[in-house]
C-alpha atoms as a PDB file:
ATOM      1  CA  UNK A   1       4.537   1.910  27.918  1.00  0.00           C
ATOM      2  CA  UNK A   2       7.496   1.278  25.655  1.00  0.00           C
ATOM      3  CA  UNK A   3       7.135  -1.643  23.292  1.00  0.00           C
ATOM      4  CA  UNK A   4       9.788  -3.051  21.054  1.00  0.00           C
ATOM      5  CA  UNK A   5       9.243  -1.656  17.603  1.00  0.00           C
ATOM      6  CA  UNK A   6       8.135  -3.772  14.694  1.00  0.00           C
ATOM      7  CA  UNK A   7       9.824  -2.636  11.566  1.00  0.00           C
ATOM      8  CA  UNK A   8       9.249  -3.848   8.053  1.00  0.00           C
ATOM      9  CA  UNK A   9      12.287  -3.097   6.026  1.00  0.00           C
ATOM     10  CA  UNK A  10      12.758  -2.585   2.338  1.00  0.00           C
ATOM     11  CA  UNK A  11      16.436  -2.007   1.702  1.00  0.00           C
ATOM     12  CA  UNK A  12      17.288  -0.049  -1.434  1.00  0.00           C
ATOM     13  CA  UNK A  13      20.997   0.401  -1.872  1.00  0.00           C
ATOM     14  CA  UNK A  14      21.267   3.300  -4.268  1.00  0.00           C
ATOM     15  CA  UNK A  15      23.893   5.966  -4.683  1.00  0.00           C
ATOM     16  CA  UNK A  16      25.632   5.062  -1.432  1.00  0.00           C
ATOM     17  CA  UNK A  17      22.650   6.135   0.673  1.00  0.00           C
ATOM     18  CA  UNK A  18      23.113   3.156   3.017  1.00  0.00           C
ATOM     19  CA  UNK A  19      26.641   2.318   4.137  1.00  0.00           C
ATOM     20  CA  UNK A  20      25.834  -0.953   5.910  1.00  0.00           C
ATOM     21  CA  UNK A  21      25.131  -4.157   4.008  1.00  0.00           C
ATOM     22  CA  UNK A  22      21.571  -5.544   4.180  1.00  0.00           C
ATOM     23  CA  UNK A  23      22.847  -8.329   6.468  1.00  0.00           C
ATOM     24  CA  UNK A  24      24.304  -5.786   8.934  1.00  0.00           C
ATOM     25  CA  UNK A  25      21.144  -3.675   8.947  1.00  0.00           C
ATOM     26  CA  UNK A  26      18.981  -6.702   9.748  1.00  0.00           C
ATOM     27  CA  UNK A  27      21.155  -7.955  12.622  1.00  0.00           C
ATOM     28  CA  UNK A  28      18.941  -6.161  15.129  1.00  0.00           C
ATOM     29  CA  UNK A  29      15.678  -7.591  13.761  1.00  0.00           C
ATOM     30  CA  UNK A  30      13.841 -10.878  13.564  1.00  0.00           C
ATOM     31  CA  UNK A  31      11.468 -11.791  10.773  1.00  0.00           C
ATOM     32  CA  UNK A  32       7.740 -11.807  11.499  1.00  0.00           C
ATOM     33  CA  UNK A  33       5.155 -13.652   9.411  1.00  0.00           C
ATOM     34  CA  UNK A  34       2.466 -11.000   9.024  1.00  0.00           C
ATOM     35  CA  UNK A  35      -1.147 -11.938   8.399  1.00  0.00           C
ATOM     36  CA  UNK A  36      -2.164 -11.337   4.800  1.00  0.00           C
ATOM     37  CA  UNK A  37      -5.898 -12.097   4.633  1.00  0.00           C
ATOM     38  CA  UNK A  38      -8.411 -12.502   7.448  1.00  0.00           C
ATOM     39  CA  UNK A  39     -11.967 -13.731   7.171  1.00  0.00           C
ATOM     40  CA  UNK A  40     -14.340 -10.787   7.252  1.00  0.00           C
ATOM     41  CA  UNK A  41     -16.619 -10.753  10.302  1.00  0.00           C
ATOM     42  CA  UNK A  42     -20.185 -11.934   9.824  1.00  0.00           C
ATOM     43  CA  UNK A  43     -22.954  -9.351   9.609  1.00  0.00           C
ATOM     44  CA  UNK A  44     -25.247  -9.006  12.606  1.00  0.00           C
ATOM     45  CA  UNK A  45     -28.746 -10.405  12.076  1.00  0.00           C
ATOM     46  CA  UNK A  46     -31.408  -7.737  11.742  1.00  0.00           C
ATOM     47  CA  UNK A  47     -29.049  -4.965  10.603  1.00  0.00           C
ATOM     48  CA  UNK A  48     -30.136  -5.135   6.967  1.00  0.00           C
ATOM     49  CA  UNK A  49     -33.298  -5.927   5.052  1.00  0.00           C
ATOM     50  CA  UNK A  50     -33.766  -9.026   2.873  1.00  0.00           C
ATOM     51  CA  UNK A  51     -33.639  -6.684  -0.144  1.00  0.00           C
ATOM     52  CA  UNK A  52     -30.090  -5.608   0.715  1.00  0.00           C
ATOM     53  CA  UNK A  53     -28.759  -9.088   1.562  1.00  0.00           C
ATOM     54  CA  UNK A  54     -26.896  -9.372  -1.761  1.00  0.00           C
ATOM     55  CA  UNK A  55     -25.298  -5.930  -1.342  1.00  0.00           C
ATOM     56  CA  UNK A  56     -24.072  -6.741   2.179  1.00  0.00           C
ATOM     57  CA  UNK A  57     -22.755 -10.135   1.035  1.00  0.00           C
ATOM     58  CA  UNK A  58     -20.875  -8.399  -1.789  1.00  0.00           C
ATOM     59  CA  UNK A  59     -19.384  -5.935   0.700  1.00  0.00           C
ATOM     60  CA  UNK A  60     -18.219  -8.758   2.964  1.00  0.00           C
ATOM     61  CA  UNK A  61     -16.580 -10.472  -0.011  1.00  0.00           C
ATOM     62  CA  UNK A  62     -14.809  -7.243  -1.060  1.00  0.00           C
ATOM     63  CA  UNK A  63     -13.572  -6.441   2.468  1.00  0.00           C
ATOM     64  CA  UNK A  64     -12.109  -9.937   2.648  1.00  0.00           C
ATOM     65  CA  UNK A  65     -10.381 -10.001  -0.754  1.00  0.00           C
ATOM     66  CA  UNK A  66      -9.071  -6.447  -0.302  1.00  0.00           C
ATOM     67  CA  UNK A  67      -7.512  -7.734   2.953  1.00  0.00           C
ATOM     68  CA  UNK A  68      -8.829  -4.805   5.019  1.00  0.00           C
ATOM     69  CA  UNK A  69      -8.416  -6.896   8.170  1.00  0.00           C
ATOM     70  CA  UNK A  70      -4.682  -7.324   7.631  1.00  0.00           C
ATOM     71  CA  UNK A  71      -4.144  -3.677   8.632  1.00  0.00           C
ATOM     72  CA  UNK A  72      -7.306  -2.795  10.557  1.00  0.00           C
ATOM     73  CA  UNK A  73      -7.100  -5.739  13.015  1.00  0.00           C
ATOM     74  CA  UNK A  74      -4.986  -5.572  16.149  1.00  0.00           C
ATOM     75  CA  UNK A  75      -1.920  -7.826  15.884  1.00  0.00           C
ATOM     76  CA  UNK A  76      -2.416  -8.786  12.228  1.00  0.00           C
ATOM     77  CA  UNK A  77       0.559  -6.720  11.034  1.00  0.00           C
ATOM     78  CA  UNK A  78       2.751  -8.843  13.329  1.00  0.00           C
ATOM     79  CA  UNK A  79       1.129 -12.166  12.378  1.00  0.00           C
ATOM     80  CA  UNK A  80      -0.883 -12.523  15.599  1.00  0.00           C
ATOM     81  CA  UNK A  81      -4.373 -11.131  14.906  1.00  0.00           C
ATOM     82  CA  UNK A  82      -6.821 -10.574  17.759  1.00  0.00           C
ATOM     83  CA  UNK A  83     -10.023 -12.023  16.273  1.00  0.00           C
ATOM     84  CA  UNK A  84     -12.115 -10.309  18.953  1.00  0.00           C
ATOM     85  CA  UNK A  85     -11.000  -7.012  17.394  1.00  0.00           C
ATOM     86  CA  UNK A  86     -11.329  -7.816  13.704  1.00  0.00           C
ATOM     87  CA  UNK A  87     -11.534  -4.495  11.792  1.00  0.00           C
ATOM     88  CA  UNK A  88     -11.453  -2.578  15.115  1.00  0.00           C
ATOM     89  CA  UNK A  89      -8.121  -0.874  14.401  1.00  0.00           C
ATOM     90  CA  UNK A  90      -4.542  -1.708  15.263  1.00  0.00           C
ATOM     91  CA  UNK A  91      -2.157  -0.713  18.040  1.00  0.00           C
ATOM     92  CA  UNK A  92       0.635  -1.848  15.733  1.00  0.00           C
ATOM     93  CA  UNK A  93       1.304   1.097  13.477  1.00  0.00           C
ATOM     94  CA  UNK A  94       2.739   1.609  10.023  1.00  0.00           C
ATOM     95  CA  UNK A  95       5.727   3.907   9.577  1.00  0.00           C
ATOM     96  CA  UNK A  96       5.134   6.420   6.812  1.00  0.00           C
ATOM     97  CA  UNK A  97       8.687   7.736   6.813  1.00  0.00           C
ATOM     98  CA  UNK A  98      11.839   5.611   6.596  1.00  0.00           C
ATOM     99  CA  UNK A  99      13.025   4.197   9.952  1.00  0.00           C
ATOM    100  CA  UNK A 100      16.354   3.320   8.326  1.00  0.00           C
ATOM    101  CA  UNK A 101      16.931   6.962   7.448  1.00  0.00           C
ATOM    102  CA  UNK A 102      15.687   8.520  10.662  1.00  0.00           C
ATOM    103  CA  UNK A 103      15.702   7.224  14.195  1.00  0.00           C
ATOM    104  CA  UNK A 104      12.111   8.294  14.905  1.00  0.00           C
ATOM    105  CA  UNK A 105       9.868   7.846  11.859  1.00  0.00           C
ATOM    106  CA  UNK A 106       6.305   9.079  11.521  1.00  0.00           C
ATOM    107  CA  UNK A 107       3.774   6.363  12.378  1.00  0.00           C
ATOM    108  CA  UNK A 108       0.049   6.031  11.717  1.00  0.00           C
ATOM    109  CA  UNK A 109      -2.176   3.451  13.405  1.00  0.00           C
ATOM    110  CA  UNK A 110      -4.885   1.869  11.213  1.00  0.00           C
ATOM    111  CA  UNK A 111      -8.248   3.070  12.560  1.00  0.00           C
ATOM    112  CA  UNK A 112     -11.246   1.211  13.892  1.00  0.00           C
ATOM    113  CA  UNK A 113     -13.659   0.665  10.977  1.00  0.00           C
ATOM    114  CA  UNK A 114     -16.425  -1.029  12.957  1.00  0.00           C
ATOM    115  CA  UNK A 115     -19.656   0.943  13.572  1.00  0.00           C
ATOM    116  CA  UNK A 116     -18.649   1.990  17.100  1.00  0.00           C
ATOM    117  CA  UNK A 117     -19.717   5.622  17.517  1.00  0.00           C
ATOM    118  CA  UNK A 118     -16.936   6.602  19.920  1.00  0.00           C
ATOM    119  CA  UNK A 119     -13.861   4.880  18.471  1.00  0.00           C
ATOM    120  CA  UNK A 120     -15.004   3.691  15.026  1.00  0.00           C
ATOM    121  CA  UNK A 121     -16.951   4.938  12.005  1.00  0.00           C
ATOM    122  CA  UNK A 122     -20.426   4.834  13.540  1.00  0.00           C
ATOM    123  CA  UNK A 123     -20.876   8.612  13.218  1.00  0.00           C
ATOM    124  CA  UNK A 124     -19.328   8.846   9.744  1.00  0.00           C
ATOM    125  CA  UNK A 125     -21.600   9.452   6.765  1.00  0.00           C
ATOM    126  CA  UNK A 126     -21.624   7.028   3.843  1.00  0.00           C
ATOM    127  CA  UNK A 127     -19.865   9.687   1.752  1.00  0.00           C
ATOM    128  CA  UNK A 128     -17.092  10.104   4.348  1.00  0.00           C
ATOM    129  CA  UNK A 129     -16.459   6.356   4.404  1.00  0.00           C
ATOM    130  CA  UNK A 130     -16.475   6.197   0.589  1.00  0.00           C
ATOM    131  CA  UNK A 131     -14.004   9.113   0.427  1.00  0.00           C
ATOM    132  CA  UNK A 132     -11.663   7.361   2.871  1.00  0.00           C
ATOM    133  CA  UNK A 133     -11.723   4.202   0.737  1.00  0.00           C
ATOM    134  CA  UNK A 134     -11.319   5.784  -2.689  1.00  0.00           C
ATOM    135  CA  UNK A 135      -9.362   8.941  -1.963  1.00  0.00           C
ATOM    136  CA  UNK A 136      -7.664   8.486   1.404  1.00  0.00           C
ATOM    137  CA  UNK A 137      -9.536  11.494   2.771  1.00  0.00           C
ATOM    138  CA  UNK A 138     -10.075  11.570   6.533  1.00  0.00           C
ATOM    139  CA  UNK A 139     -13.418  12.304   8.120  1.00  0.00           C
ATOM    140  CA  UNK A 140     -12.816  16.042   8.303  1.00  0.00           C
ATOM    141  CA  UNK A 141     -11.603  16.404   4.737  1.00  0.00           C
ATOM    142  CA  UNK A 142      -7.852  16.258   5.276  1.00  0.00           C
ATOM    143  CA  UNK A 143      -5.724  13.831   3.265  1.00  0.00           C
ATOM    144  CA  UNK A 144      -3.954  12.290   6.230  1.00  0.00           C
ATOM    145  CA  UNK A 145      -4.647   8.585   5.703  1.00  0.00           C
ATOM    146  CA  UNK A 146      -1.086   8.219   4.452  1.00  0.00           C
ATOM    147  CA  UNK A 147      -0.874   4.427   4.755  1.00  0.00           C
ATOM    148  CA  UNK A 148      -4.321   3.709   3.302  1.00  0.00           C
ATOM    149  CA  UNK A 149      -3.777   2.154  -0.155  1.00  0.00           C
ATOM    150  CA  UNK A 150      -6.474   4.366  -1.645  1.00  0.00           C
ATOM    151  CA  UNK A 151      -4.653   4.769  -4.952  1.00  0.00           C
ATOM    152  CA  UNK A 152      -5.338   1.099  -5.602  1.00  0.00           C
ATOM    153  CA  UNK A 153      -9.005   1.581  -4.722  1.00  0.00           C
ATOM    154  CA  UNK A 154      -9.568   4.862  -6.575  1.00  0.00           C
ATOM    155  CA  UNK A 155     -11.408   3.191  -9.456  1.00  0.00           C
ATOM    156  CA  UNK A 156     -13.631   0.899  -7.387  1.00  0.00           C
ATOM    157  CA  UNK A 157     -17.129   1.146  -8.812  1.00  0.00           C
ATOM    158  CA  UNK A 158     -19.894   3.050  -7.064  1.00  0.00           C
ATOM    159  CA  UNK A 159     -21.766  -0.229  -6.525  1.00  0.00           C
ATOM    160  CA  UNK A 160     -18.750  -1.837  -4.859  1.00  0.00           C
ATOM    161  CA  UNK A 161     -18.118   1.140  -2.557  1.00  0.00           C
ATOM    162  CA  UNK A 162     -21.802   1.134  -1.619  1.00  0.00           C
ATOM    163  CA  UNK A 163     -21.540  -2.579  -0.840  1.00  0.00           C
ATOM    164  CA  UNK A 164     -18.457  -2.083   1.365  1.00  0.00           C
ATOM    165  CA  UNK A 165     -20.088   0.779   3.264  1.00  0.00           C
ATOM    166  CA  UNK A 166     -23.313  -1.211   3.654  1.00  0.00           C
ATOM    167  CA  UNK A 167     -21.408  -4.207   4.979  1.00  0.00           C
ATOM    168  CA  UNK A 168     -19.341  -2.168   7.473  1.00  0.00           C
ATOM    169  CA  UNK A 169     -22.612  -0.824   8.882  1.00  0.00           C
ATOM    170  CA  UNK A 170     -23.767  -4.384   9.687  1.00  0.00           C
ATOM    171  CA  UNK A 171     -20.823  -5.835  11.625  1.00  0.00           C
ATOM    172  CA  UNK A 172     -20.452  -5.839  15.410  1.00  0.00           C
ATOM    173  CA  UNK A 173     -19.467  -2.523  16.911  1.00  0.00           C
ATOM    174  CA  UNK A 174     -16.187  -2.919  18.815  1.00  0.00           C
ATOM    175  CA  UNK A 175     -14.985  -0.240  21.258  1.00  0.00           C
ATOM    176  CA  UNK A 176     -11.244   0.021  20.630  1.00  0.00           C
ATOM    177  CA  UNK A 177      -9.240   3.238  20.594  1.00  0.00           C
ATOM    178  CA  UNK A 178      -6.044   3.163  18.564  1.00  0.00           C
ATOM    179  CA  UNK A 179      -3.069   5.415  19.318  1.00  0.00           C
ATOM    180  CA  UNK A 180      -2.830   8.841  17.728  1.00  0.00           C
ATOM    181  CA  UNK A 181      -0.606   9.426  14.733  1.00  0.00           C
ATOM    182  CA  UNK A 182       3.057  10.010  15.637  1.00  0.00           C
ATOM    183  CA  UNK A 183       4.783  12.801  13.728  1.00  0.00           C
ATOM    184  CA  UNK A 184       8.352  12.251  12.447  1.00  0.00           C
ATOM    185  CA  UNK A 185      10.907  12.977  15.150  1.00  0.00           C
ATOM    186  CA  UNK A 186       8.635  11.934  18.014  1.00  0.00           C
ATOM    187  CA  UNK A 187       8.851   8.677  19.958  1.00  0.00           C
ATOM    188  CA  UNK A 188       6.272   6.002  19.115  1.00  0.00           C
ATOM    189  CA  UNK A 189       5.064   4.326  22.313  1.00  0.00           C
ATOM    190  CA  UNK A 190       3.556   1.423  20.392  1.00  0.00           C
ATOM    191  CA  UNK A 191       5.187  -0.919  17.857  1.00  0.00           C
ATOM    192  CA  UNK A 192       5.129  -0.305  14.134  1.00  0.00           C
ATOM    193  CA  UNK A 193       6.022  -1.928  10.819  1.00  0.00           C
ATOM    194  CA  UNK A 194       7.507  -0.610   7.617  1.00  0.00           C
ATOM    195  CA  UNK A 195       6.835  -2.487   4.344  1.00  0.00           C
ATOM    196  CA  UNK A 196       8.331  -6.040   4.479  1.00  0.00           C
ATOM    197  CA  UNK A 197       7.974  -7.238   8.072  1.00  0.00           C
ATOM    198  CA  UNK A 198      10.766  -7.398  10.654  1.00  0.00           C
ATOM    199  CA  UNK A 199      10.486  -6.933  14.402  1.00  0.00           C
ATOM    200  CA  UNK A 200      13.221  -5.439  16.533  1.00  0.00           C
ATOM    201  CA  UNK A 201      14.887  -7.996  18.777  1.00  0.00           C
ATOM    202  CA  UNK A 202      14.361  -7.639  22.557  1.00  0.00           C
END
């Protein structure tokens, strides 16, 4: 299925790299009001002990203020979040190479971070989740989470990472498979964004 692409555009006119004016470049796009912060989903009753209530509550607070849902929720990158899939990954991707410089940029789709064992992080260890948050390291040890803002999270305290991991273990498991990463030069079958948010016109 071919979808119109969502592209977020940051135009840097330097050294004659772009010959069109910003107005000309944006003629083929319409602005989209992307979602910035979503409420974090509520923890499921019975998934944590009374002794860990404060830790889980702290994790929920951190997931909300870090705006995890703005990438990891279907539709949020285009301003139309699907609240039934909060934190369950996005079929709107994020270009990690410049769509203004190449016709077919590389695109990654934010993964499902609910505890679903098939499509989410249900089979990940606590250490694997912590490594993804703080170092952008994928489950199998490769640094391929190119759009994850891990550099900004690298100094999160051990207590805060533990709280985030503990909280993610307590939310509803949502079965939702996101598209595979698209390498530069290949066609993305699903829409994507790139920095500031613009959607291609039909």
